[in-house]
Amino acid sequence: MEKEIGKIGKNDTTDIILRIDDFGGRRGLTIREFVTSDRYTGFTKSGVRIMAEDFAKFKEMINSIPEEDMKEASGSESGEASETLEEKTGKVPTENPGSPESNDELPDY
């Protein structure tokens, strides 16, 4: 038996798929990445399987997480908005740290 519960988009090419399935004759909840690309389309090795006998404990643990704990922090822990490098320093970044121009300042060893 395979029953897809739902999916969550991770990025442009990857979704997180939740499904109930039987593997090795044992039922469980499988949470895995599914990739769609030119080179490969299908499930990756990344994921987890919750056995049916552990599902009640898993559900209890998930439901014990307060909604407030999952809200995105904007900026620092104190709730301040994050600043760009330009706002913090007053300078506009002009060179790539890995570019040859930035190596002029490095000592020769």
PDB file of N, CA and C in Angstrom:
ATOM      1  N   MET A   1       0.840  -1.183   0.000  1.00  0.00           N
ATOM      2  CA  MET A   1       0.000   0.000   0.000  1.00  0.00           C
ATOM      3  C   MET A   1       0.881   1.241   0.000  1.00  0.00           C
ATOM      4  N   GLU A   2       0.626   2.145  -0.889  1.00  0.00           N
ATOM      5  CA  GLU A   2       1.300   3.441  -0.904  1.00  0.00           C
ATOM      6  C   GLU A   2       0.230   4.519  -0.987  1.00  0.00           C
ATOM      7  N   LYS A   3       0.321   5.476  -0.070  1.00  0.00           N
ATOM      8  CA  LYS A   3      -0.637   6.569  -0.035  1.00  0.00           C
ATOM      9  C   LYS A   3       0.124   7.855   0.223  1.00  0.00           C
ATOM     10  N   GLU A   4       0.145   8.750  -0.772  1.00  0.00           N
ATOM     11  CA  GLU A   4       0.830  10.026  -0.592  1.00  0.00           C
ATOM     12  C   GLU A   4      -0.027  10.943   0.273  1.00  0.00           C
ATOM     13  N   ILE A   5       0.604  11.483   1.315  1.00  0.00           N
ATOM     14  CA  ILE A   5      -0.085  12.371   2.243  1.00  0.00           C
ATOM     15  C   ILE A   5       0.018  13.812   1.770  1.00  0.00           C
ATOM     16  N   GLY A   6       1.205  14.204   1.293  1.00  0.00           N
ATOM     17  CA  GLY A   6       1.388  15.566   0.808  1.00  0.00           C
ATOM     18  C   GLY A   6       2.841  15.844   0.508  1.00  0.00           C
ATOM     19  N   LYS A   7       3.090  17.064   0.040  1.00  0.00           N
ATOM     20  CA  LYS A   7       4.463  17.454  -0.257  1.00  0.00           C
ATOM     21  C   LYS A   7       4.676  18.913   0.084  1.00  0.00           C
ATOM     22  N   ILE A   8       5.943  19.202   0.394  1.00  0.00           N
ATOM     23  CA  ILE A   8       6.367  20.560   0.731  1.00  0.00           C
ATOM     24  C   ILE A   8       7.527  20.897  -0.193  1.00  0.00           C
ATOM     25  N   GLY A   9       7.453  22.023  -0.872  1.00  0.00           N
ATOM     26  CA  GLY A   9       8.536  22.435  -1.756  1.00  0.00           C
ATOM     27  C   GLY A   9       9.766  22.847  -0.956  1.00  0.00           C
ATOM     28  N   LYS A  10      10.905  22.281  -1.301  1.00  0.00           N
ATOM     29  CA  LYS A  10      12.162  22.642  -0.642  1.00  0.00           C
ATOM     30  C   LYS A  10      12.898  23.702  -1.463  1.00  0.00           C
ATOM     31  N   ASN A  11      12.950  23.509  -2.769  1.00  0.00           N
ATOM     32  CA  ASN A  11      13.522  24.490  -3.696  1.00  0.00           C
ATOM     33  C   ASN A  11      12.926  24.218  -5.078  1.00  0.00           C
ATOM     34  N   ASP A  12      13.524  24.789  -6.116  1.00  0.00           N
ATOM     35  CA  ASP A  12      12.959  24.665  -7.465  1.00  0.00           C
ATOM     36  C   ASP A  12      12.924  23.228  -7.974  1.00  0.00           C
ATOM     37  N   THR A  13      13.852  22.388  -7.530  1.00  0.00           N
ATOM     38  CA  THR A  13      13.942  21.037  -8.064  1.00  0.00           C
ATOM     39  C   THR A  13      13.625  19.936  -7.053  1.00  0.00           C
ATOM     40  N   THR A  14      13.411  20.295  -5.798  1.00  0.00           N
ATOM     41  CA  THR A  14      13.240  19.285  -4.757  1.00  0.00           C
ATOM     42  C   THR A  14      11.995  19.529  -3.917  1.00  0.00           C
ATOM     43  N   ASP A  15      11.244  18.462  -3.682  1.00  0.00           N
ATOM     44  CA  ASP A  15      10.092  18.483  -2.789  1.00  0.00           C
ATOM     45  C   ASP A  15      10.335  17.474  -1.673  1.00  0.00           C
ATOM     46  N   ILE A  16       9.728  17.724  -0.523  1.00  0.00           N
ATOM     47  CA  ILE A  16       9.719  16.766   0.576  1.00  0.00           C
ATOM     48  C   ILE A  16       8.370  16.060   0.486  1.00  0.00           C
ATOM     49  N   ILE A  17       8.406  14.737   0.305  1.00  0.00           N
ATOM     50  CA  ILE A  17       7.195  13.939   0.139  1.00  0.00           C
ATOM     51  C   ILE A  17       6.918  13.153   1.414  1.00  0.00           C
ATOM     52  N   LEU A  18       5.681  13.211   1.877  1.00  0.00           N
ATOM     53  CA  LEU A  18       5.230  12.394   3.001  1.00  0.00           C
ATOM     54  C   LEU A  18       4.278  11.352   2.450  1.00  0.00           C
ATOM     55  N   ARG A  19       4.547  10.071   2.794  1.00  0.00           N
ATOM     56  CA  ARG A  19       3.649   9.027   2.319  1.00  0.00           C
ATOM     57  C   ARG A  19       3.639   7.846   3.278  1.00  0.00           C
ATOM     58  N   ILE A  20       2.514   7.175   3.311  1.00  0.00           N
ATOM     59  CA  ILE A  20       2.388   5.938   4.068  1.00  0.00           C
ATOM     60  C   ILE A  20       2.683   4.815   3.078  1.00  0.00           C
ATOM     61  N   ASP A  21       3.558   3.898   3.466  1.00  0.00           N
ATOM     62  CA  ASP A  21       3.890   2.799   2.576  1.00  0.00           C
ATOM     63  C   ASP A  21       4.270   1.552   3.362  1.00  0.00           C
ATOM     64  N   ASP A  22       4.405   0.470   2.639  1.00  0.00           N
ATOM     65  CA  ASP A  22       4.864  -0.793   3.209  1.00  0.00           C
ATOM     66  C   ASP A  22       6.249  -1.059   2.641  1.00  0.00           C
ATOM     67  N   PHE A  23       7.218  -1.247   3.510  1.00  0.00           N
ATOM     68  CA  PHE A  23       8.572  -1.568   3.070  1.00  0.00           C
ATOM     69  C   PHE A  23       9.017  -2.779   3.865  1.00  0.00           C
ATOM     70  N   GLY A  24       9.373  -3.830   3.177  1.00  0.00           N
ATOM     71  CA  GLY A  24       9.762  -5.056   3.858  1.00  0.00           C
ATOM     72  C   GLY A  24       8.613  -5.669   4.638  1.00  0.00           C
ATOM     73  N   GLY A  25       7.392  -5.429   4.149  1.00  0.00           N
ATOM     74  CA  GLY A  25       6.222  -5.973   4.812  1.00  0.00           C
ATOM     75  C   GLY A  25       5.799  -5.220   6.061  1.00  0.00           C
ATOM     76  N   ARG A  26       6.432  -4.080   6.323  1.00  0.00           N
ATOM     77  CA  ARG A  26       6.105  -3.291   7.516  1.00  0.00           C
ATOM     78  C   ARG A  26       5.639  -1.904   7.107  1.00  0.00           C
ATOM     79  N   ARG A  27       4.509  -1.494   7.646  1.00  0.00           N
ATOM     80  CA  ARG A  27       3.915  -0.198   7.315  1.00  0.00           C
ATOM     81  C   ARG A  27       4.601   0.911   8.107  1.00  0.00           C
ATOM     82  N   GLY A  28       4.689   2.091   7.483  1.00  0.00           N
ATOM     83  CA  GLY A  28       5.268   3.238   8.157  1.00  0.00           C
ATOM     84  C   GLY A  28       5.048   4.521   7.384  1.00  0.00           C
ATOM     85  N   LEU A  29       5.486   5.609   7.974  1.00  0.00           N
ATOM     86  CA  LEU A  29       5.442   6.921   7.341  1.00  0.00           C
ATOM     87  C   LEU A  29       6.834   7.213   6.812  1.00  0.00           C
ATOM     88  N   THR A  30       6.938   7.490   5.527  1.00  0.00           N
ATOM     89  CA  THR A  30       8.215   7.820   4.910  1.00  0.00           C
ATOM     90  C   THR A  30       8.214   9.297   4.549  1.00  0.00           C
ATOM     91  N   ILE A  31       9.288   9.999   4.941  1.00  0.00           N
ATOM     92  CA  ILE A  31       9.470  11.412   4.618  1.00  0.00           C
ATOM     93  C   ILE A  31      10.781  11.488   3.847  1.00  0.00           C
ATOM     94  N   ARG A  32      10.692  11.752   2.537  1.00  0.00           N
ATOM     95  CA  ARG A  32      11.893  11.739   1.695  1.00  0.00           C
ATOM     96  C   ARG A  32      11.885  12.879   0.694  1.00  0.00           C
ATOM     97  N   GLU A  33      13.096  13.175   0.218  1.00  0.00           N
ATOM     98  CA  GLU A  33      13.249  14.188  -0.825  1.00  0.00           C
ATOM     99  C   GLU A  33      12.974  13.559  -2.183  1.00  0.00           C
ATOM    100  N   PHE A  34      12.299  14.311  -3.048  1.00  0.00           N
ATOM    101  CA  PHE A  34      12.024  13.904  -4.418  1.00  0.00           C
ATOM    102  C   PHE A  34      12.566  14.982  -5.332  1.00  0.00           C
ATOM    103  N   VAL A  35      13.486  14.602  -6.213  1.00  0.00           N
ATOM    104  CA  VAL A  35      14.173  15.545  -7.099  1.00  0.00           C
ATOM    105  C   VAL A  35      13.636  15.409  -8.516  1.00  0.00           C
ATOM    106  N   THR A  36      13.467  16.543  -9.189  1.00  0.00           N
ATOM    107  CA  THR A  36      13.103  16.571 -10.595  1.00  0.00           C
ATOM    108  C   THR A  36      14.147  17.423 -11.310  1.00  0.00           C
ATOM    109  N   SER A  37      15.017  16.773 -12.089  1.00  0.00           N
ATOM    110  CA  SER A  37      16.059  17.510 -12.804  1.00  0.00           C
ATOM    111  C   SER A  37      16.334  16.830 -14.143  1.00  0.00           C
ATOM    112  N   ASP A  38      17.242  17.409 -14.909  1.00  0.00           N
ATOM    113  CA  ASP A  38      17.613  16.826 -16.208  1.00  0.00           C
ATOM    114  C   ASP A  38      18.333  15.496 -16.035  1.00  0.00           C
ATOM    115  N   ARG A  39      19.169  15.405 -14.988  1.00  0.00           N
ATOM    116  CA  ARG A  39      19.973  14.203 -14.772  1.00  0.00           C
ATOM    117  C   ARG A  39      19.223  13.083 -14.070  1.00  0.00           C
ATOM    118  N   TYR A  40      18.320  13.440 -13.132  1.00  0.00           N
ATOM    119  CA  TYR A  40      17.638  12.418 -12.329  1.00  0.00           C
ATOM    120  C   TYR A  40      16.291  12.925 -11.851  1.00  0.00           C
ATOM    121  N   THR A  41      15.309  12.057 -11.918  1.00  0.00           N
ATOM    122  CA  THR A  41      14.003  12.353 -11.349  1.00  0.00           C
ATOM    123  C   THR A  41      13.598  11.169 -10.493  1.00  0.00           C
ATOM    124  N   GLY A  42      13.399  11.439  -9.215  1.00  0.00           N
ATOM    125  CA  GLY A  42      12.986  10.373  -8.305  1.00  0.00           C
ATOM    126  C   GLY A  42      13.395  10.680  -6.889  1.00  0.00           C
ATOM    127  N   PHE A  43      13.164   9.697  -6.009  1.00  0.00           N
ATOM    128  CA  PHE A  43      13.506   9.865  -4.600  1.00  0.00           C
ATOM    129  C   PHE A  43      15.013   9.814  -4.400  1.00  0.00           C
ATOM    130  N   THR A  44      15.492  10.603  -3.461  1.00  0.00           N
ATOM    131  CA  THR A  44      16.899  10.559  -3.077  1.00  0.00           C
ATOM    132  C   THR A  44      17.030   9.654  -1.856  1.00  0.00           C
ATOM    133  N   LYS A  45      18.249   9.493  -1.374  1.00  0.00           N
ATOM    134  CA  LYS A  45      18.475   8.712  -0.165  1.00  0.00           C
ATOM    135  C   LYS A  45      18.147   9.515   1.089  1.00  0.00           C
ATOM    136  N   SER A  46      18.021  10.833   0.934  1.00  0.00           N
ATOM    137  CA  SER A  46      17.740  11.699   2.082  1.00  0.00           C
ATOM    138  C   SER A  46      16.300  11.526   2.549  1.00  0.00           C
ATOM    139  N   GLY A  47      16.160  11.199   3.815  1.00  0.00           N
ATOM    140  CA  GLY A  47      14.825  11.069   4.361  1.00  0.00           C
ATOM    141  C   GLY A  47      14.822  10.258   5.628  1.00  0.00           C
ATOM    142  N   VAL A  48      13.623   9.967   6.096  1.00  0.00           N
ATOM    143  CA  VAL A  48      13.453   9.224   7.335  1.00  0.00           C
ATOM    144  C   VAL A  48      12.199   8.370   7.221  1.00  0.00           C
ATOM    145  N   ARG A  49      12.210   7.279   7.959  1.00  0.00           N
ATOM    146  CA  ARG A  49      11.040   6.397   7.987  1.00  0.00           C
ATOM    147  C   ARG A  49      10.616   6.212   9.432  1.00  0.00           C
ATOM    148  N   ILE A  50       9.346   6.484   9.714  1.00  0.00           N
ATOM    149  CA  ILE A  50       8.772   6.303  11.037  1.00  0.00           C
ATOM    150  C   ILE A  50       7.906   5.042  10.962  1.00  0.00           C
ATOM    151  N   MET A  51       8.276   4.037  11.731  1.00  0.00           N
ATOM    152  CA  MET A  51       7.524   2.785  11.723  1.00  0.00           C
ATOM    153  C   MET A  51       6.140   3.009  12.331  1.00  0.00           C
ATOM    154  N   ALA A  52       5.163   2.218  11.898  1.00  0.00           N
ATOM    155  CA  ALA A  52       3.782   2.366  12.353  1.00  0.00           C
ATOM    156  C   ALA A  52       3.683   2.310  13.875  1.00  0.00           C
ATOM    157  N   GLU A  53       4.454   1.423  14.509  1.00  0.00           N
ATOM    158  CA  GLU A  53       4.376   1.307  15.972  1.00  0.00           C
ATOM    159  C   GLU A  53       4.946   2.529  16.691  1.00  0.00           C
ATOM    160  N   ASP A  54       5.750   3.356  15.996  1.00  0.00           N
ATOM    161  CA  ASP A  54       6.311   4.572  16.583  1.00  0.00           C
ATOM    162  C   ASP A  54       5.551   5.833  16.182  1.00  0.00           C
ATOM    163  N   PHE A  55       4.544   5.682  15.328  1.00  0.00           N
ATOM    164  CA  PHE A  55       3.856   6.851  14.798  1.00  0.00           C
ATOM    165  C   PHE A  55       3.150   7.667  15.883  1.00  0.00           C
ATOM    166  N   ALA A  56       2.518   7.019  16.846  1.00  0.00           N
ATOM    167  CA  ALA A  56       1.810   7.753  17.907  1.00  0.00           C
ATOM    168  C   ALA A  56       2.790   8.629  18.680  1.00  0.00           C
ATOM    169  N   LYS A  57       3.968   8.108  18.986  1.00  0.00           N
ATOM    170  CA  LYS A  57       4.986   8.885  19.703  1.00  0.00           C
ATOM    171  C   LYS A  57       5.478  10.048  18.829  1.00  0.00           C
ATOM    172  N   PHE A  58       5.703   9.784  17.533  1.00  0.00           N
ATOM    173  CA  PHE A  58       6.133  10.822  16.591  1.00  0.00           C
ATOM    174  C   PHE A  58       5.092  11.942  16.525  1.00  0.00           C
ATOM    175  N   LYS A  59       3.831  11.565  16.399  1.00  0.00           N
ATOM    176  CA  LYS A  59       2.740  12.544  16.311  1.00  0.00           C
ATOM    177  C   LYS A  59       2.654  13.361  17.598  1.00  0.00           C
ATOM    178  N   GLU A  60       2.825  12.709  18.730  1.00  0.00           N
ATOM    179  CA  GLU A  60       2.813  13.400  20.027  1.00  0.00           C
ATOM    180  C   GLU A  60       3.954  14.423  20.098  1.00  0.00           C
ATOM    181  N   MET A  61       5.131  14.017  19.641  1.00  0.00           N
ATOM    182  CA  MET A  61       6.289  14.920  19.666  1.00  0.00           C
ATOM    183  C   MET A  61       6.059  16.121  18.749  1.00  0.00           C
ATOM    184  N   ILE A  62       5.552  15.897  17.553  1.00  0.00           N
ATOM    185  CA  ILE A  62       5.278  16.993  16.609  1.00  0.00           C
ATOM    186  C   ILE A  62       4.235  17.937  17.181  1.00  0.00           C
ATOM    187  N   ASN A  63       3.175  17.379  17.739  1.00  0.00           N
ATOM    188  CA  ASN A  63       2.096  18.206  18.286  1.00  0.00           C
ATOM    189  C   ASN A  63       2.503  18.961  19.545  1.00  0.00           C
ATOM    190  N   SER A  64       3.604  18.553  20.191  1.00  0.00           N
ATOM    191  CA  SER A  64       4.055  19.248  21.399  1.00  0.00           C
ATOM    192  C   SER A  64       4.842  20.518  21.088  1.00  0.00           C
ATOM    193  N   ILE A  65       5.160  20.753  19.828  1.00  0.00           N
ATOM    194  CA  ILE A  65       5.927  21.942  19.445  1.00  0.00           C
ATOM    195  C   ILE A  65       4.987  23.138  19.369  1.00  0.00           C
ATOM    196  N   PRO A  66       5.228  24.169  20.194  1.00  0.00           N
ATOM    197  CA  PRO A  66       4.371  25.364  20.138  1.00  0.00           C
ATOM    198  C   PRO A  66       4.552  26.109  18.806  1.00  0.00           C
ATOM    199  N   GLU A  67       3.463  26.642  18.289  1.00  0.00           N
ATOM    200  CA  GLU A  67       3.513  27.401  17.027  1.00  0.00           C
ATOM    201  C   GLU A  67       4.511  28.548  17.106  1.00  0.00           C
ATOM    202  N   GLU A  68       4.623  29.179  18.285  1.00  0.00           N
ATOM    203  CA  GLU A  68       5.538  30.318  18.452  1.00  0.00           C
ATOM    204  C   GLU A  68       6.992  29.910  18.196  1.00  0.00           C
ATOM    205  N   ASP A  69       7.344  28.660  18.544  1.00  0.00           N
ATOM    206  CA  ASP A  69       8.708  28.189  18.339  1.00  0.00           C
ATOM    207  C   ASP A  69       9.063  28.061  16.859  1.00  0.00           C
ATOM    208  N   MET A  70       8.078  27.974  16.010  1.00  0.00           N
ATOM    209  CA  MET A  70       8.314  27.769  14.583  1.00  0.00           C
ATOM    210  C   MET A  70       8.197  29.043  13.759  1.00  0.00           C
ATOM    211  N   LYS A  71       7.923  30.167  14.409  1.00  0.00           N
ATOM    212  CA  LYS A  71       7.829  31.429  13.674  1.00  0.00           C
ATOM    213  C   LYS A  71       9.217  31.893  13.296  1.00  0.00           C
ATOM    214  N   GLU A  72       9.337  32.413  12.082  1.00  0.00           N
ATOM    215  CA  GLU A  72      10.609  32.920  11.576  1.00  0.00           C
ATOM    216  C   GLU A  72      11.034  34.132  12.386  1.00  0.00           C
ATOM    217  N   ALA A  73      12.296  34.140  12.772  1.00  0.00           N
ATOM    218  CA  ALA A  73      12.845  35.313  13.451  1.00  0.00           C
ATOM    219  C   ALA A  73      13.238  36.327  12.395  1.00  0.00           C
ATOM    220  N   SER A  74      12.856  37.579  12.610  1.00  0.00           N
ATOM    221  CA  SER A  74      13.264  38.625  11.679  1.00  0.00           C
ATOM    222  C   SER A  74      14.413  39.381  12.323  1.00  0.00           C
ATOM    223  N   GLY A  75      15.612  39.134  11.798  1.00  0.00           N
ATOM    224  CA  GLY A  75      16.789  39.782  12.370  1.00  0.00           C
ATOM    225  C   GLY A  75      17.361  38.972  13.502  1.00  0.00           C
ATOM    226  N   SER A  76      17.745  39.646  14.568  1.00  0.00           N
ATOM    227  CA  SER A  76      18.370  38.982  15.708  1.00  0.00           C
ATOM    228  C   SER A  76      17.316  38.380  16.616  1.00  0.00           C
ATOM    229  N   GLU A  77      17.760  37.704  17.654  1.00  0.00           N
ATOM    230  CA  GLU A  77      16.867  37.077  18.612  1.00  0.00           C
ATOM    231  C   GLU A  77      15.961  38.096  19.289  1.00  0.00           C
ATOM    232  N   SER A  78      16.418  39.356  19.421  1.00  0.00           N
ATOM    233  CA  SER A  78      15.606  40.375  20.086  1.00  0.00           C
ATOM    234  C   SER A  78      14.500  40.909  19.182  1.00  0.00           C
ATOM    235  N   GLY A  79      14.460  40.429  17.945  1.00  0.00           N
ATOM    236  CA  GLY A  79      13.400  40.835  17.044  1.00  0.00           C
ATOM    237  C   GLY A  79      13.753  42.033  16.196  1.00  0.00           C
ATOM    238  N   GLU A  80      15.002  42.525  16.267  1.00  0.00           N
ATOM    239  CA  GLU A  80      15.406  43.655  15.445  1.00  0.00           C
ATOM    240  C   GLU A  80      15.510  43.202  13.996  1.00  0.00           C
ATOM    241  N   ALA A  81      15.206  44.111  13.082  1.00  0.00           N
ATOM    242  CA  ALA A  81      15.331  43.791  11.666  1.00  0.00           C
ATOM    243  C   ALA A  81      16.803  43.656  11.309  1.00  0.00           C
ATOM    244  N   SER A  82      17.090  42.723  10.406  1.00  0.00           N
ATOM    245  CA  SER A  82      18.484  42.538  10.014  1.00  0.00           C
ATOM    246  C   SER A  82      18.928  43.670   9.098  1.00  0.00           C
ATOM    247  N   GLU A  83      20.214  44.025   9.183  1.00  0.00           N
ATOM    248  CA  GLU A  83      20.770  45.093   8.368  1.00  0.00           C
ATOM    249  C   GLU A  83      21.646  44.489   7.281  1.00  0.00           C
ATOM    250  N   THR A  84      21.736  45.199   6.166  1.00  0.00           N
ATOM    251  CA  THR A  84      22.650  44.773   5.127  1.00  0.00           C
ATOM    252  C   THR A  84      24.054  45.222   5.513  1.00  0.00           C
ATOM    253  N   LEU A  85      25.065  44.693   4.842  1.00  0.00           N
ATOM    254  CA  LEU A  85      26.441  45.087   5.095  1.00  0.00           C
ATOM    255  C   LEU A  85      26.607  46.588   4.853  1.00  0.00           C
ATOM    256  N   GLU A  86      25.965  47.089   3.830  1.00  0.00           N
ATOM    257  CA  GLU A  86      26.056  48.522   3.524  1.00  0.00           C
ATOM    258  C   GLU A  86      25.472  49.362   4.660  1.00  0.00           C
ATOM    259  N   GLU A  87      24.347  48.934   5.218  1.00  0.00           N
ATOM    260  CA  GLU A  87      23.732  49.674   6.320  1.00  0.00           C
ATOM    261  C   GLU A  87      24.602  49.629   7.578  1.00  0.00           C
ATOM    262  N   LYS A  88      25.235  48.496   7.848  1.00  0.00           N
ATOM    263  CA  LYS A  88      26.060  48.353   9.044  1.00  0.00           C
ATOM    264  C   LYS A  88      27.340  49.171   8.964  1.00  0.00           C
ATOM    265  N   THR A  89      27.990  49.151   7.784  1.00  0.00           N
ATOM    266  CA  THR A  89      29.307  49.774   7.666  1.00  0.00           C
ATOM    267  C   THR A  89      29.285  51.126   6.975  1.00  0.00           C
ATOM    268  N   GLY A  90      28.219  51.413   6.236  1.00  0.00           N
ATOM    269  CA  GLY A  90      28.168  52.649   5.466  1.00  0.00           C
ATOM    270  C   GLY A  90      28.960  52.541   4.176  1.00  0.00           C
ATOM    271  N   LYS A  91      29.503  51.340   3.880  1.00  0.00           N
ATOM    272  CA  LYS A  91      30.297  51.127   2.677  1.00  0.00           C
ATOM    273  C   LYS A  91      29.574  50.170   1.747  1.00  0.00           C
ATOM    274  N   VAL A  92      29.735  50.391   0.464  1.00  0.00           N
ATOM    275  CA  VAL A  92      29.182  49.491  -0.532  1.00  0.00           C
ATOM    276  C   VAL A  92      30.269  48.496  -0.903  1.00  0.00           C
ATOM    277  N   PRO A  93      30.025  47.173  -0.760  1.00  0.00           N
ATOM    278  CA  PRO A  93      31.041  46.193  -1.149  1.00  0.00           C
ATOM    279  C   PRO A  93      31.325  46.317  -2.641  1.00  0.00           C
ATOM    280  N   THR A  94      32.613  46.420  -3.011  1.00  0.00           N
ATOM    281  CA  THR A  94      32.955  46.623  -4.413  1.00  0.00           C
ATOM    282  C   THR A  94      33.780  45.509  -5.013  1.00  0.00           C
ATOM    283  N   GLU A  95      34.411  44.677  -4.190  1.00  0.00           N
ATOM    284  CA  GLU A  95      35.217  43.621  -4.780  1.00  0.00           C
ATOM    285  C   GLU A  95      34.852  42.276  -4.199  1.00  0.00           C
ATOM    286  N   ASN A  96      35.089  41.277  -5.000  1.00  0.00           N
ATOM    287  CA  ASN A  96      34.839  39.895  -4.602  1.00  0.00           C
ATOM    288  C   ASN A  96      36.020  39.429  -3.760  1.00  0.00           C
ATOM    289  N   PRO A  97      35.791  38.917  -2.531  1.00  0.00           N
ATOM    290  CA  PRO A  97      36.905  38.492  -1.683  1.00  0.00           C
ATOM    291  C   PRO A  97      37.802  37.443  -2.333  1.00  0.00           C
ATOM    292  N   GLY A  98      37.283  36.691  -3.280  1.00  0.00           N
ATOM    293  CA  GLY A  98      38.093  35.664  -3.929  1.00  0.00           C
ATOM    294  C   GLY A  98      38.727  36.137  -5.220  1.00  0.00           C
ATOM    295  N   SER A  99      38.546  37.409  -5.552  1.00  0.00           N
ATOM    296  CA  SER A  99      39.074  37.908  -6.817  1.00  0.00           C
ATOM    297  C   SER A  99      40.558  38.222  -6.699  1.00  0.00           C
ATOM    298  N   PRO A 100      41.295  38.189  -7.816  1.00  0.00           N
ATOM    299  CA  PRO A 100      42.729  38.490  -7.788  1.00  0.00           C
ATOM    300  C   PRO A 100      43.039  39.872  -7.229  1.00  0.00           C
ATOM    301  N   GLU A 101      42.132  40.850  -7.446  1.00  0.00           N
ATOM    302  CA  GLU A 101      42.386  42.194  -6.947  1.00  0.00           C
ATOM    303  C   GLU A 101      42.512  42.214  -5.425  1.00  0.00           C
ATOM    304  N   SER A 102      41.753  41.374  -4.737  1.00  0.00           N
ATOM    305  CA  SER A 102      41.781  41.383  -3.277  1.00  0.00           C
ATOM    306  C   SER A 102      43.052  40.718  -2.727  1.00  0.00           C
ATOM    307  N   ASN A 103      43.780  39.981  -3.549  1.00  0.00           N
ATOM    308  CA  ASN A 103      44.996  39.312  -3.097  1.00  0.00           C
ATOM    309  C   ASN A 103      46.173  40.279  -2.966  1.00  0.00           C
ATOM    310  N   ASP A 104      46.035  41.544  -3.450  1.00  0.00           N
ATOM    311  CA  ASP A 104      47.102  42.525  -3.341  1.00  0.00           C
ATOM    312  C   ASP A 104      47.437  42.811  -1.884  1.00  0.00           C
ATOM    313  N   GLU A 105      46.451  42.640  -1.005  1.00  0.00           N
ATOM    314  CA  GLU A 105      46.642  42.965   0.388  1.00  0.00           C
ATOM    315  C   GLU A 105      47.197  41.784   1.196  1.00  0.00           C
ATOM    316  N   LEU A 106      47.319  40.616   0.587  1.00  0.00           N
ATOM    317  CA  LEU A 106      47.799  39.439   1.296  1.00  0.00           C
ATOM    318  C   LEU A 106      49.328  39.404   1.319  1.00  0.00           C
ATOM    319  N   PRO A 107      49.928  38.983   2.420  1.00  0.00           N
ATOM    320  CA  PRO A 107      51.400  38.891   2.473  1.00  0.00           C
ATOM    321  C   PRO A 107      51.895  37.735   1.621  1.00  0.00           C
ATOM    322  N   ASP A 108      53.105  37.882   1.092  1.00  0.00           N
ATOM    323  CA  ASP A 108      53.756  36.802   0.334  1.00  0.00           C
ATOM    324  C   ASP A 108      54.521  35.925   1.309  1.00  0.00           C
ATOM    325  N   TYR A 109      54.317  34.644   1.253  1.00  0.00           N
ATOM    326  CA  TYR A 109      55.030  33.705   2.128  1.00  0.00           C
ATOM    327  C   TYR A 109      55.947  32.836   1.335  1.00  0.00           C
TER     328      TYR A 109
END
